[in-house]
């Protein structure tokens, strides 16, 4: 027996099939054409019949329209009267003052469309239900909206309404759009009769409306649209275009010249205004695409502004404020495929271009994606933004989110159509991963999805692994982003370090986000309620809202268009390249000049895998103002959780006292005022900060920060406002609106020779924590991490490759070394050195033969494995035996050279191997077998 759902679908299909002869008459006008060609209806019906998610979407449109159709049948003016129009005043001119509506004036022969209330979408009000909107509302008291706090209706000036006015109109136009589509699909004239007056009333009202005028003559005049304060938000153009397309055979011919004039005027306003050097070009082009495709060829219009006119402006012809796509896509980093804005905008740009190219390919029948290879590259580069959980990093004006599923869907559609099966299956595997993890439910969200997503995802055995689509380190210089991944660590670790470069950036110095235990434990704070809101200006976009170092309480610079990248001084492994043979360590060192205080800053982040398979991060942050004797540096770190405790090396918890040192009274940034429950204690001794996160009865997730003690150091704890970067994929749902426990390590002196040194040790309560304790040398920048199994890591981090650190049995001239040693063993389990000229440890050493080198020497079952990027001299203790062991060097999987040992003249009892050319790796067999 068939289900009721299946029966209803069959009934709908039968109705559609009966209407085919009626709609055949429309084909002479060659409409519809935007989402489907007029002669493709048969194939579309078959697709609907065989695709449950498509049929379900059509059914949902019918259900959504049903109550409004009932209102309309009782009163044909019911929905039209709720359009936000100048019903009585019929003003044809709009005046704004900067980013807010001022007033309207003039006289038109018909009601005109009301303009938006404000550029700032943040508002204390919300729209009423359509049922509760006063019909033909046009009152000198303003607009009647619902106060969010009281829940009661109020009359307010439109300038306080945010984007609600345009939002109400858009909601009504979407209902008309859906009705127009159902008219085309079913032939039922009631749908057309429902949609036509809404469309015509709005179009007539916009025909008599002039472009808004900014009384203050600000930059606002250069970005304003006909219905909204920004041409990138003219989204009502899309339903209007689709109504015209699907309702074409029903609309009165006499009204078409006026209708076409509105679309041309609107399109030209978008071309005229905007911002020519960021995402605006692509968002504008998306709207223009609908205008272009609904129009006929240029010759059909006296002004010559038809389809080709607008397509040329989309793809080829740039204006002062609207760059053509062929020029705009040069903004992508051609090496990495990254767009120079924060992730939410970058990903949306690529999605928008795919949307545009899909529409163009539908129009031309060509594979338009191949004309713009950087777009395909940017799609595959998008995976580099991802934490191990599949959510994006959160720097700048963004939040942790998944890659837009529409990007995957459109790539699958393209690959399937053009028989690129391997790529199709790989993308489908990633989309299936999102579906399985609950990040995405495959369904149509609008008519575009209905027509352009493939009916069924292909079956695929391709691995859905972020690890296969990313690299251990990734550097995107055009957004000053460096990512370190350690995916082989249990649960995965990732450190994302960001400067302030590109659009929608924040003032953040060298900021860090840290992923561990399945969550973004150390998040960015994200953006405020809107870019104009004081919370955004004073806190979310400022240094104290980031995991960074603030100097003298004043660090800062202009946000949004960031011009303050860090300099990437050194890193390992090589950025944007596959995993190296030695993968137990990842590091990056960045330097930065803080503009407000002229402080020099340098941050080194070192990810290390322990023998147990867990991992930790050592963060070394140098900061000083060379010209000031008296200075202050605040190391700030935010971590999700319910509790933050300070624990001494004797495992006793400290009691902190209320503190008032941070805030406006101390001359600090206003952002410090957003911190609450501030407490402090002296920090001259090493101690441990423990953040605890309890989730639904599961074992507590802990983040232990082992903090180096120092003179003139003080420790503060506080609560920060909720992080707007967090999402359900990067933090427990209960934490999304909670305050964020915050640690501040304050140094009342320069922090350069004795930098901030903090080890991040993520673990789970009552589970194995491989780290027993962390010891910091008071007189040197060295940390010793003591672990289970009598194993220790000795980490020496200097400020540059020419610095020297020397102790008994240890010498380093170089930037960084990590030595793993097991108590009782001779030598080291491994020696890693980066940007180094010489490293010596217990008789084992590597010496540069020219440029500084980065390399590793690691024990193997037969002896040692060496990886190095420059020629070096390797010295080892003589293992004894009749013959000196050979060093085999390899390149491209084959033996390059067999290097014999030479007894050392400088160090008797030792052997030397001279590696004089580039190699992939080398093996030293010390086995006696």
Foldseek 3Di string as FASTA:
>chain_A
DDDPLLVVLVVLLVLLVVCVVVLVVVCVVQFDQQLATSPCLVVLSVLCNVFPQLSVVLVVLCVVCVVVLVVCVVPVCLLLQLQAWQQPQQFQAWEAAVFAGDDTHDHDPGIAHDAAGGQWQDAQWAADPSVPADGNDNDPLDGWTAGNVPRDIDRHHRNRNRGRNVVSLLVSLQNLLSLLQVCLRRVPCSSVSSNVVNLVNHLVNLLSHDFYHHPNPDLQVQACASHYSGLLPPVSLVSSLSSCRSCVVPDDPVCVVSNLVSLLVRLVSLQRHAAAAALSQLSSLLSLLSNLRSFDQLVVDPVSPHNVNSLCQQAPDHDPHHGHPVVRCVCQPQVLLFHLAWLVSRLVSLLSVLLSQLSVCSNVVDLSCVVPVSSVSNLLSSLQQDDQLQWGAFFFQAATAHRPVSSLQSVLLSCVVVVVPVVNQQSLQQSVVCVVVVRDDDHDPGVSCSSRGDSDRDDHPDHNGSLVSYAQWAADQQFLWIKGWDQQFVQIKMKIWGDAAGFRGAQAHTFIFIDDPQFRFFGQQHADSTCPDCCRVQANRHHQSTQHKDKQLEFGDDHGHGDWHWAWDFWPDDHPDHQAPDRQKTKTKTWGQGPVQRKTKMKMWMWGADPVRHIKIKIWMFIDRVVDFWMKMKRKTWGFADDKWKAAPVRHTDDWAQDDCFAVVVVHGNNSVQWARKTKDAFQQWIKIWGWHDDPNDFIKIKIKTWHHRPQKMKMKTWHFARPNYDVSRDPPVRRGPTIIMIIIMHRGGQAQPTTIIMIQIDTPPDDRQFPHKDADPNFRWIWTQGPQQKIKIKHAHDAQQDWDDDVQWIWRGGIKIFIDHPPDQGTQKIWGIQTQKIGHNFWMKHAPDGGKTKMWHQDPFGIKIAIAAKIKTKHAQPDDDAGWWKFFAAPRDTDDTWGWDQDPVDGRMTITTGHDGTSMIDTGPDPD
